[in-house]
Amino acid sequence: MSWKDKVVFVTGASAGIGEAIAREAVAQGARVIVAARRKERVEALARDLGGGRALAVVCDVRRDGDVEAAIELAHAFGPLDAMIANAGFGVGGRVVKLSLDDYRRQFETNVFGVIRSVQAALPDLRTTRGAVGIVGSANGYISIPGWSAYCMSKHAVRSFAECIRHELAHEGIGVTHLAPGFVESEFRRLDRTNVLRDVSEDPIPRWLRMPAGKAAKKILAAVDARVPEAVITGHAKVAIGATRHTPRLVSAALDLGGRVVKDFSEHAER
């Protein structure tokens, strides 16, 4: 599947990786539905990408029925060839600081939002023998202190992707789990309620962050190739490899606590 004239639905498309995926898909000839909660953002993005190639829909993956309604609007472009389930955010904080509602809120977007998106797209994808891209995280493999809610959610979607890949293969639907590490986005400037803090600085040094456009190219290439899994950033590949092959060393490093983990957790608790 090349992307020329394919219909691609991207959740969480108002910023960061989702926006970059939408831009790259249009650049490769696709027609893209940019879906997110922030109406003004997706409408501005669609205008920028061109009305003939991009359609803005307001969609909250936390609400039952929202994705289905958005896909009905998307049929102005035709049935979906790909669903990129990208919407997500991070609830950070130590377990003593988090409530059950914090964990529920994290799972409502990062896990149930993915499930809603995939299930809503299945009727179209069965027809087109299309593809699903589930944007997880390196933290679907690596569990770090101060981020139990987020890491749990990303472990869950990795397992979900693995299960449905086998379930849907006989219908000709590809499923790819995507695991980026640090990518340029608003992600680390959001608080635990998913509100952007404009005064916040990204705690990850710039040299360690992959440009969103580069990550988007890798993500679309992986979904196009229908690979089961793609770890997007080099540092994530190293970290995941270390977790798999030297787990005691990684555990010892996490016990010592690095500056990145400390800053990351403290930022989320503010």
C-alpha atoms as a PDB file:
ATOM      1  CA  MET A   1       0.000   0.000   0.000  1.00  0.00           C
ATOM      2  CA  SER A   2       1.482   3.298  -1.102  1.00  0.00           C
ATOM      3  CA  TRP A   3      -0.178   6.422   0.318  1.00  0.00           C
ATOM      4  CA  LYS A   4      -1.204   8.026  -2.970  1.00  0.00           C
ATOM      5  CA  ASP A   5      -4.968   8.648  -2.910  1.00  0.00           C
ATOM      6  CA  LYS A   6      -5.397   6.535   0.235  1.00  0.00           C
ATOM      7  CA  VAL A   7      -7.796   7.785   2.921  1.00  0.00           C
ATOM      8  CA  VAL A   8      -6.048   8.100   6.272  1.00  0.00           C
ATOM      9  CA  PHE A   9      -7.714   8.937   9.590  1.00  0.00           C
ATOM     10  CA  VAL A  10      -5.371  10.394  12.239  1.00  0.00           C
ATOM     11  CA  THR A  11      -6.482  10.885  15.842  1.00  0.00           C
ATOM     12  CA  GLY A  12      -4.725  13.407  18.044  1.00  0.00           C
ATOM     13  CA  ALA A  13      -3.845  15.361  14.912  1.00  0.00           C
ATOM     14  CA  SER A  14      -3.888  18.846  16.421  1.00  0.00           C
ATOM     15  CA  ALA A  15      -0.202  18.874  17.382  1.00  0.00           C
ATOM     16  CA  GLY A  16       3.026  16.924  17.677  1.00  0.00           C
ATOM     17  CA  ILE A  17       3.330  13.490  16.108  1.00  0.00           C
ATOM     18  CA  GLY A  18      -0.291  13.434  14.937  1.00  0.00           C
ATOM     19  CA  GLU A  19       0.030  16.719  13.083  1.00  0.00           C
ATOM     20  CA  ALA A  20       3.317  15.594  11.559  1.00  0.00           C
ATOM     21  CA  ILE A  21       1.764  12.306  10.381  1.00  0.00           C
ATOM     22  CA  ALA A  22      -1.077  14.227   8.720  1.00  0.00           C
ATOM     23  CA  ARG A  23       1.345  16.565   6.965  1.00  0.00           C
ATOM     24  CA  GLU A  24       3.555  13.733   5.762  1.00  0.00           C
ATOM     25  CA  ALA A  25       0.621  11.631   4.559  1.00  0.00           C
ATOM     26  CA  VAL A  26      -0.669  14.549   2.470  1.00  0.00           C
ATOM     27  CA  ALA A  27       2.854  15.122   1.137  1.00  0.00           C
ATOM     28  CA  GLN A  28       2.846  11.487   0.008  1.00  0.00           C
ATOM     29  CA  GLY A  29      -0.462  11.920  -1.820  1.00  0.00           C
ATOM     30  CA  ALA A  30      -2.988  10.715   0.748  1.00  0.00           C
ATOM     31  CA  ARG A  31      -6.304  12.278   1.665  1.00  0.00           C
ATOM     32  CA  VAL A  32      -6.270  12.787   5.410  1.00  0.00           C
ATOM     33  CA  ILE A  33      -8.881  13.241   8.104  1.00  0.00           C
ATOM     34  CA  VAL A  34      -7.347  15.265  10.916  1.00  0.00           C
ATOM     35  CA  ALA A  35      -9.237  14.503  14.110  1.00  0.00           C
ATOM     36  CA  ALA A  36      -8.800  15.987  17.580  1.00  0.00           C
ATOM     37  CA  ARG A  37     -10.690  17.750  20.367  1.00  0.00           C
ATOM     38  CA  ARG A  38      -9.363  21.233  19.529  1.00  0.00           C
ATOM     39  CA  LYS A  39     -11.594  22.497  16.727  1.00  0.00           C
ATOM     40  CA  GLU A  40      -9.554  25.583  15.889  1.00  0.00           C
ATOM     41  CA  ARG A  41      -6.349  23.562  15.618  1.00  0.00           C
ATOM     42  CA  VAL A  42      -7.634  20.866  13.273  1.00  0.00           C
ATOM     43  CA  GLU A  43      -9.479  23.367  11.102  1.00  0.00           C
ATOM     44  CA  ALA A  44      -6.341  25.487  10.746  1.00  0.00           C
ATOM     45  CA  LEU A  45      -4.305  22.393   9.901  1.00  0.00           C
ATOM     46  CA  ALA A  46      -6.824  21.257   7.285  1.00  0.00           C
ATOM     47  CA  ARG A  47      -6.789  24.693   5.662  1.00  0.00           C
ATOM     48  CA  ASP A  48      -3.009  24.648   5.611  1.00  0.00           C
ATOM     49  CA  LEU A  49      -2.944  21.194   4.019  1.00  0.00           C
ATOM     50  CA  GLY A  50      -5.584  22.070   1.425  1.00  0.00           C
ATOM     51  CA  GLY A  51      -9.301  21.350   1.404  1.00  0.00           C
ATOM     52  CA  GLY A  52      -9.043  18.777  -1.348  1.00  0.00           C
ATOM     53  CA  ARG A  53      -6.579  16.705   0.659  1.00  0.00           C
ATOM     54  CA  ALA A  54      -7.490  17.279   4.305  1.00  0.00           C
ATOM     55  CA  LEU A  55     -10.728  17.254   6.253  1.00  0.00           C
ATOM     56  CA  ALA A  56     -11.001  18.500   9.841  1.00  0.00           C
ATOM     57  CA  VAL A  57     -13.281  16.702  12.282  1.00  0.00           C
ATOM     58  CA  VAL A  58     -13.761  17.379  15.974  1.00  0.00           C
ATOM     59  CA  CYS A  59     -13.440  14.098  17.805  1.00  0.00           C
ATOM     60  CA  ASP A  60     -12.873  13.118  21.421  1.00  0.00           C
ATOM     61  CA  VAL A  61     -11.711   9.497  21.610  1.00  0.00           C
ATOM     62  CA  ARG A  62     -12.858   9.377  25.246  1.00  0.00           C
ATOM     63  CA  ARG A  63     -16.518   9.618  24.251  1.00  0.00           C
ATOM     64  CA  ASP A  64     -18.516   6.695  22.938  1.00  0.00           C
ATOM     65  CA  GLY A  65     -19.769   7.392  19.433  1.00  0.00           C
ATOM     66  CA  ASP A  66     -17.437  10.287  18.635  1.00  0.00           C
ATOM     67  CA  VAL A  67     -15.076   8.322  16.394  1.00  0.00           C
ATOM     68  CA  GLU A  68     -17.964   6.647  14.557  1.00  0.00           C
ATOM     69  CA  ALA A  69     -19.549  10.044  13.870  1.00  0.00           C
ATOM     70  CA  ALA A  70     -16.210  11.414  12.671  1.00  0.00           C
ATOM     71  CA  ILE A  71     -15.726   8.476  10.307  1.00  0.00           C
ATOM     72  CA  GLU A  72     -19.160   9.124   8.798  1.00  0.00           C
ATOM     73  CA  LEU A  73     -17.968  12.632   7.953  1.00  0.00           C
ATOM     74  CA  ALA A  74     -14.711  11.188   6.660  1.00  0.00           C
ATOM     75  CA  HIS A  75     -16.648   9.210   4.059  1.00  0.00           C
ATOM     76  CA  ALA A  76     -16.728  12.421   2.027  1.00  0.00           C
ATOM     77  CA  PHE A  77     -13.253  11.180   1.016  1.00  0.00           C
ATOM     78  CA  GLY A  78     -14.325   7.536   0.810  1.00  0.00           C
ATOM     79  CA  PRO A  79     -13.836   4.500   3.057  1.00  0.00           C
ATOM     80  CA  LEU A  80     -10.767   4.507   5.285  1.00  0.00           C
ATOM     81  CA  ASP A  81      -7.595   2.801   4.116  1.00  0.00           C
ATOM     82  CA  ALA A  82      -5.778   3.418   7.400  1.00  0.00           C
ATOM     83  CA  MET A  83      -6.527   4.349  10.988  1.00  0.00           C
ATOM     84  CA  ILE A  84      -3.625   5.918  12.859  1.00  0.00           C
ATOM     85  CA  ALA A  85      -4.617   5.770  16.534  1.00  0.00           C
ATOM     86  CA  ASN A  86      -2.300   8.439  17.875  1.00  0.00           C
ATOM     87  CA  ALA A  87      -4.310  10.386  20.463  1.00  0.00           C
ATOM     88  CA  GLY A  88      -2.746  10.211  23.902  1.00  0.00           C
ATOM     89  CA  PHE A  89      -1.176  12.074  26.780  1.00  0.00           C
ATOM     90  CA  GLY A  90       0.741  11.295  29.954  1.00  0.00           C
ATOM     91  CA  VAL A  91      -0.396  11.273  33.573  1.00  0.00           C
ATOM     92  CA  GLY A  92       2.778  11.574  35.601  1.00  0.00           C
ATOM     93  CA  GLY A  93       3.369  11.463  39.317  1.00  0.00           C
ATOM     94  CA  ARG A  94       4.320   9.034  42.045  1.00  0.00           C
ATOM     95  CA  VAL A  95       1.717   6.530  43.172  1.00  0.00           C
ATOM     96  CA  VAL A  96       1.313   8.334  46.514  1.00  0.00           C
ATOM     97  CA  LYS A  97       0.300  11.475  44.603  1.00  0.00           C
ATOM     98  CA  LEU A  98      -2.116   9.860  42.149  1.00  0.00           C
ATOM     99  CA  SER A  99      -5.777   9.035  42.644  1.00  0.00           C
ATOM    100  CA  LEU A 100      -7.752   6.244  41.029  1.00  0.00           C
ATOM    101  CA  ASP A 101      -9.351   8.911  38.856  1.00  0.00           C
ATOM    102  CA  ASP A 102      -5.888   9.827  37.545  1.00  0.00           C
ATOM    103  CA  TYR A 103      -5.397   6.233  36.409  1.00  0.00           C
ATOM    104  CA  ARG A 104      -8.906   6.069  34.946  1.00  0.00           C
ATOM    105  CA  ARG A 105      -8.359   9.300  33.012  1.00  0.00           C
ATOM    106  CA  GLN A 106      -5.087   7.978  31.634  1.00  0.00           C
ATOM    107  CA  PHE A 107      -6.654   4.738  30.424  1.00  0.00           C
ATOM    108  CA  GLU A 108      -9.747   6.446  29.008  1.00  0.00           C
ATOM    109  CA  THR A 109      -7.631   8.246  26.408  1.00  0.00           C
ATOM    110  CA  ASN A 110      -4.571   6.062  25.915  1.00  0.00           C
ATOM    111  CA  VAL A 111      -6.242   2.649  26.020  1.00  0.00           C
ATOM    112  CA  PHE A 112     -10.004   2.895  25.536  1.00  0.00           C
ATOM    113  CA  GLY A 113      -9.494   5.721  23.037  1.00  0.00           C
ATOM    114  CA  VAL A 114      -7.335   3.407  20.937  1.00  0.00           C
ATOM    115  CA  ILE A 115      -9.893   0.605  21.192  1.00  0.00           C
ATOM    116  CA  ARG A 116     -12.726   2.939  20.186  1.00  0.00           C
ATOM    117  CA  SER A 117     -10.722   4.185  17.193  1.00  0.00           C
ATOM    118  CA  VAL A 118      -9.839   0.722  15.941  1.00  0.00           C
ATOM    119  CA  GLN A 119     -13.318  -0.716  16.397  1.00  0.00           C
ATOM    120  CA  ALA A 120     -14.941   2.232  14.641  1.00  0.00           C
ATOM    121  CA  ALA A 121     -12.608   1.870  11.662  1.00  0.00           C
ATOM    122  CA  LEU A 122     -12.988  -1.898  11.209  1.00  0.00           C
ATOM    123  CA  PRO A 123     -16.003  -1.861   8.842  1.00  0.00           C
ATOM    124  CA  ASP A 124     -14.079   0.336   6.400  1.00  0.00           C
ATOM    125  CA  LEU A 125     -10.783  -1.508   6.829  1.00  0.00           C
ATOM    126  CA  ARG A 126     -12.425  -4.851   6.078  1.00  0.00           C
ATOM    127  CA  THR A 127     -13.629  -3.407   2.784  1.00  0.00           C
ATOM    128  CA  THR A 128     -10.324  -1.801   1.821  1.00  0.00           C
ATOM    129  CA  ARG A 129      -8.088  -4.459   3.435  1.00  0.00           C
ATOM    130  CA  GLY A 130      -6.470  -1.527   5.125  1.00  0.00           C
ATOM    131  CA  ALA A 131      -4.086  -0.938   7.989  1.00  0.00           C
ATOM    132  CA  VAL A 132      -4.025   0.143  11.615  1.00  0.00           C
ATOM    133  CA  GLY A 133      -1.156   2.042  13.199  1.00  0.00           C
ATOM    134  CA  ILE A 134      -1.230   2.184  16.998  1.00  0.00           C
ATOM    135  CA  VAL A 135       1.097   4.814  18.443  1.00  0.00           C
ATOM    136  CA  GLY A 136       2.410   3.450  21.699  1.00  0.00           C
ATOM    137  CA  SER A 137       5.690   4.380  23.313  1.00  0.00           C
ATOM    138  CA  ALA A 138       9.070   3.081  24.350  1.00  0.00           C
ATOM    139  CA  ASN A 139       7.418   3.067  27.766  1.00  0.00           C
ATOM    140  CA  GLY A 140       5.344   0.132  26.565  1.00  0.00           C
ATOM    141  CA  TYR A 141       8.542  -1.803  27.269  1.00  0.00           C
ATOM    142  CA  ILE A 142      10.315   0.329  29.858  1.00  0.00           C
ATOM    143  CA  SER A 143       8.611   1.152  33.149  1.00  0.00           C
ATOM    144  CA  ILE A 144      10.041   4.182  34.898  1.00  0.00           C
ATOM    145  CA  PRO A 145       9.361   5.559  38.380  1.00  0.00           C
ATOM    146  CA  GLY A 146       6.975   8.480  38.521  1.00  0.00           C
ATOM    147  CA  TRP A 147       5.045   7.342  35.447  1.00  0.00           C
ATOM    148  CA  SER A 148       3.114   4.238  36.480  1.00  0.00           C
ATOM    149  CA  ALA A 149      -0.199   5.360  34.926  1.00  0.00           C
ATOM    150  CA  TYR A 150       1.374   6.247  31.586  1.00  0.00           C
ATOM    151  CA  CYS A 151       3.628   3.183  31.382  1.00  0.00           C
ATOM    152  CA  MET A 152       0.728   0.884  32.261  1.00  0.00           C
ATOM    153  CA  SER A 153      -1.352   2.403  29.468  1.00  0.00           C
ATOM    154  CA  LYS A 154       1.390   1.926  26.899  1.00  0.00           C
ATOM    155  CA  HIS A 155       2.042  -1.661  27.985  1.00  0.00           C
ATOM    156  CA  ALA A 156      -1.691  -2.244  27.507  1.00  0.00           C
ATOM    157  CA  VAL A 157      -1.848  -0.890  23.953  1.00  0.00           C
ATOM    158  CA  ARG A 158       1.240  -2.865  22.960  1.00  0.00           C
ATOM    159  CA  SER A 159      -0.504  -6.047  24.088  1.00  0.00           C
ATOM    160  CA  PHE A 160      -3.723  -4.952  22.367  1.00  0.00           C
ATOM    161  CA  ALA A 161      -1.860  -4.399  19.092  1.00  0.00           C
ATOM    162  CA  GLU A 162      -0.203  -7.805  19.309  1.00  0.00           C
ATOM    163  CA  CYS A 163      -3.504  -9.570  19.957  1.00  0.00           C
ATOM    164  CA  ILE A 164      -5.529  -7.907  17.218  1.00  0.00           C
ATOM    165  CA  ARG A 165      -2.719  -8.264  14.686  1.00  0.00           C
ATOM    166  CA  HIS A 166      -3.294 -12.021  14.781  1.00  0.00           C
ATOM    167  CA  GLU A 167      -7.079 -11.655  14.951  1.00  0.00           C
ATOM    168  CA  LEU A 168      -7.328  -9.388  11.907  1.00  0.00           C
ATOM    169  CA  ALA A 169      -4.630 -10.876   9.694  1.00  0.00           C
ATOM    170  CA  HIS A 170      -7.043 -13.296   8.003  1.00  0.00           C
ATOM    171  CA  GLU A 171      -9.193 -10.305   6.971  1.00  0.00           C
ATOM    172  CA  GLY A 172      -6.254  -8.663   5.233  1.00  0.00           C
ATOM    173  CA  ILE A 173      -5.928  -5.884   7.830  1.00  0.00           C
ATOM    174  CA  GLY A 174      -2.413  -4.967   8.904  1.00  0.00           C
ATOM    175  CA  VAL A 175      -1.717  -3.878  12.481  1.00  0.00           C
ATOM    176  CA  THR A 176       1.503  -2.092  13.425  1.00  0.00           C
ATOM    177  CA  HIS A 177       2.539  -1.134  16.938  1.00  0.00           C
ATOM    178  CA  LEU A 178       4.650   2.043  16.867  1.00  0.00           C
ATOM    179  CA  ALA A 179       6.980   2.884  19.735  1.00  0.00           C
ATOM    180  CA  PRO A 180       8.578   6.330  19.583  1.00  0.00           C
ATOM    181  CA  GLY A 181      10.971   7.581  22.194  1.00  0.00           C
ATOM    182  CA  PHE A 182      11.566  11.298  22.658  1.00  0.00           C
ATOM    183  CA  VAL A 183      10.023  13.229  19.761  1.00  0.00           C
ATOM    184  CA  GLU A 184       9.468  16.976  19.394  1.00  0.00           C
ATOM    185  CA  SER A 185       5.911  17.592  20.609  1.00  0.00           C
ATOM    186  CA  GLU A 186       3.778  19.238  23.270  1.00  0.00           C
ATOM    187  CA  PHE A 187       3.605  15.971  25.190  1.00  0.00           C
ATOM    188  CA  ARG A 188       6.039  16.850  27.959  1.00  0.00           C
ATOM    189  CA  ARG A 189       4.495  20.325  28.372  1.00  0.00           C
ATOM    190  CA  LEU A 190       1.094  18.905  29.311  1.00  0.00           C
ATOM    191  CA  ASP A 191       0.117  18.440  32.930  1.00  0.00           C
ATOM    192  CA  ARG A 192      -1.603  15.345  34.298  1.00  0.00           C
ATOM    193  CA  THR A 193      -5.010  16.742  33.287  1.00  0.00           C
ATOM    194  CA  ASN A 194      -3.900  17.104  29.639  1.00  0.00           C
ATOM    195  CA  VAL A 195      -3.720  20.913  29.843  1.00  0.00           C
ATOM    196  CA  LEU A 196      -0.876  22.635  28.011  1.00  0.00           C
ATOM    197  CA  ARG A 197       1.385  24.732  30.211  1.00  0.00           C
ATOM    198  CA  ASP A 198       2.875  27.381  27.936  1.00  0.00           C
ATOM    199  CA  VAL A 199       5.475  28.379  30.500  1.00  0.00           C
ATOM    200  CA  SER A 200       6.791  24.845  30.895  1.00  0.00           C
ATOM    201  CA  GLU A 201      10.094  23.851  29.345  1.00  0.00           C
ATOM    202  CA  ASP A 202      10.699  20.454  27.822  1.00  0.00           C
ATOM    203  CA  PRO A 203      12.918  18.562  30.302  1.00  0.00           C
ATOM    204  CA  ILE A 204      14.430  16.469  27.499  1.00  0.00           C
ATOM    205  CA  PRO A 205      17.500  18.062  25.860  1.00  0.00           C
ATOM    206  CA  ARG A 206      17.012  19.090  22.245  1.00  0.00           C
ATOM    207  CA  TRP A 207      19.780  16.817  20.956  1.00  0.00           C
ATOM    208  CA  LEU A 208      17.846  13.781  22.218  1.00  0.00           C
ATOM    209  CA  ARG A 209      14.519  14.728  20.583  1.00  0.00           C
ATOM    210  CA  MET A 210      13.725  13.462  17.088  1.00  0.00           C
ATOM    211  CA  PRO A 211      11.983  16.016  14.850  1.00  0.00           C
ATOM    212  CA  ALA A 212       8.297  15.153  14.510  1.00  0.00           C
ATOM    213  CA  GLY A 213       8.496  15.173  10.716  1.00  0.00           C
ATOM    214  CA  LYS A 214      11.235  12.543  10.717  1.00  0.00           C
ATOM    215  CA  ALA A 215       9.248  10.384  13.144  1.00  0.00           C
ATOM    216  CA  ALA A 216       6.162  10.719  10.921  1.00  0.00           C
ATOM    217  CA  LYS A 217       8.069   9.421   7.881  1.00  0.00           C
ATOM    218  CA  LYS A 218       9.194   6.372   9.856  1.00  0.00           C
ATOM    219  CA  ILE A 219       5.693   5.762  11.206  1.00  0.00           C
ATOM    220  CA  LEU A 220       4.037   5.901   7.785  1.00  0.00           C
ATOM    221  CA  ALA A 221       6.731   3.681   6.264  1.00  0.00           C
ATOM    222  CA  ALA A 222       6.161   1.074   8.986  1.00  0.00           C
ATOM    223  CA  VAL A 223       2.368   1.087   8.572  1.00  0.00           C
ATOM    224  CA  ASP A 224       2.750   0.966   4.788  1.00  0.00           C
ATOM    225  CA  ALA A 225       5.068  -2.061   5.086  1.00  0.00           C
ATOM    226  CA  ARG A 226       2.677  -3.664   7.603  1.00  0.00           C
ATOM    227  CA  VAL A 227       5.488  -4.583   9.943  1.00  0.00           C
ATOM    228  CA  PRO A 228       4.228  -5.873  13.301  1.00  0.00           C
ATOM    229  CA  GLU A 229       6.268  -3.411  15.315  1.00  0.00           C
ATOM    230  CA  ALA A 230       8.475  -0.385  14.758  1.00  0.00           C
ATOM    231  CA  VAL A 231      10.605   1.333  17.385  1.00  0.00           C
ATOM    232  CA  ILE A 232      10.959   4.803  15.941  1.00  0.00           C
ATOM    233  CA  THR A 233      13.910   6.501  17.645  1.00  0.00           C
ATOM    234  CA  GLY A 234      17.462   5.240  18.014  1.00  0.00           C
ATOM    235  CA  HIS A 235      17.688   5.891  21.748  1.00  0.00           C
ATOM    236  CA  ALA A 236      14.429   3.959  22.250  1.00  0.00           C
ATOM    237  CA  LYS A 237      15.907   0.970  20.404  1.00  0.00           C
ATOM    238  CA  VAL A 238      18.928   1.046  22.707  1.00  0.00           C
ATOM    239  CA  ALA A 239      16.808   1.384  25.843  1.00  0.00           C
ATOM    240  CA  ILE A 240      14.377  -1.369  24.832  1.00  0.00           C
ATOM    241  CA  GLY A 241      17.251  -3.650  23.897  1.00  0.00           C
ATOM    242  CA  ALA A 242      18.851  -3.060  27.274  1.00  0.00           C
ATOM    243  CA  THR A 243      15.557  -3.801  29.035  1.00  0.00           C
ATOM    244  CA  ARG A 244      15.225  -7.084  27.170  1.00  0.00           C
ATOM    245  CA  HIS A 245      18.831  -8.281  27.470  1.00  0.00           C
ATOM    246  CA  THR A 246      20.181  -6.655  30.647  1.00  0.00           C
ATOM    247  CA  PRO A 247      17.097  -6.129  32.839  1.00  0.00           C
ATOM    248  CA  ARG A 248      19.028  -6.109  36.107  1.00  0.00           C
ATOM    249  CA  LEU A 249      21.306  -3.349  34.858  1.00  0.00           C
ATOM    250  CA  VAL A 250      18.342  -1.255  33.737  1.00  0.00           C
ATOM    251  CA  SER A 251      16.579  -1.838  37.068  1.00  0.00           C
ATOM    252  CA  ALA A 252      19.675  -0.743  38.959  1.00  0.00           C
ATOM    253  CA  ALA A 253      19.911   2.403  36.837  1.00  0.00           C
ATOM    254  CA  LEU A 254      16.265   3.228  37.517  1.00  0.00           C
ATOM    255  CA  ASP A 255      16.752   2.639  41.241  1.00  0.00           C
ATOM    256  CA  LEU A 256      19.553   5.179  41.260  1.00  0.00           C
ATOM    257  CA  GLY A 257      17.225   7.645  39.573  1.00  0.00           C
ATOM    258  CA  GLY A 258      18.391   9.828  36.721  1.00  0.00           C
ATOM    259  CA  ARG A 259      17.902  13.553  36.324  1.00  0.00           C
ATOM    260  CA  VAL A 260      15.549  13.031  33.391  1.00  0.00           C
ATOM    261  CA  VAL A 261      13.222  10.797  35.396  1.00  0.00           C
ATOM    262  CA  LYS A 262      13.281  13.209  38.350  1.00  0.00           C
ATOM    263  CA  ASP A 263      12.508  16.267  36.209  1.00  0.00           C
ATOM    264  CA  PHE A 264       9.860  14.382  34.247  1.00  0.00           C
ATOM    265  CA  SER A 265       7.996  13.243  37.344  1.00  0.00           C
ATOM    266  CA  GLU A 266       8.241  16.548  39.186  1.00  0.00           C
ATOM    267  CA  HIS A 267       6.979  18.395  36.107  1.00  0.00           C
ATOM    268  CA  ALA A 268       3.905  16.178  35.954  1.00  0.00           C
ATOM    269  CA  GLU A 269       3.125  16.597  39.648  1.00  0.00           C
ATOM    270  CA  ARG A 270       3.058  20.396  39.471  1.00  0.00           C
END
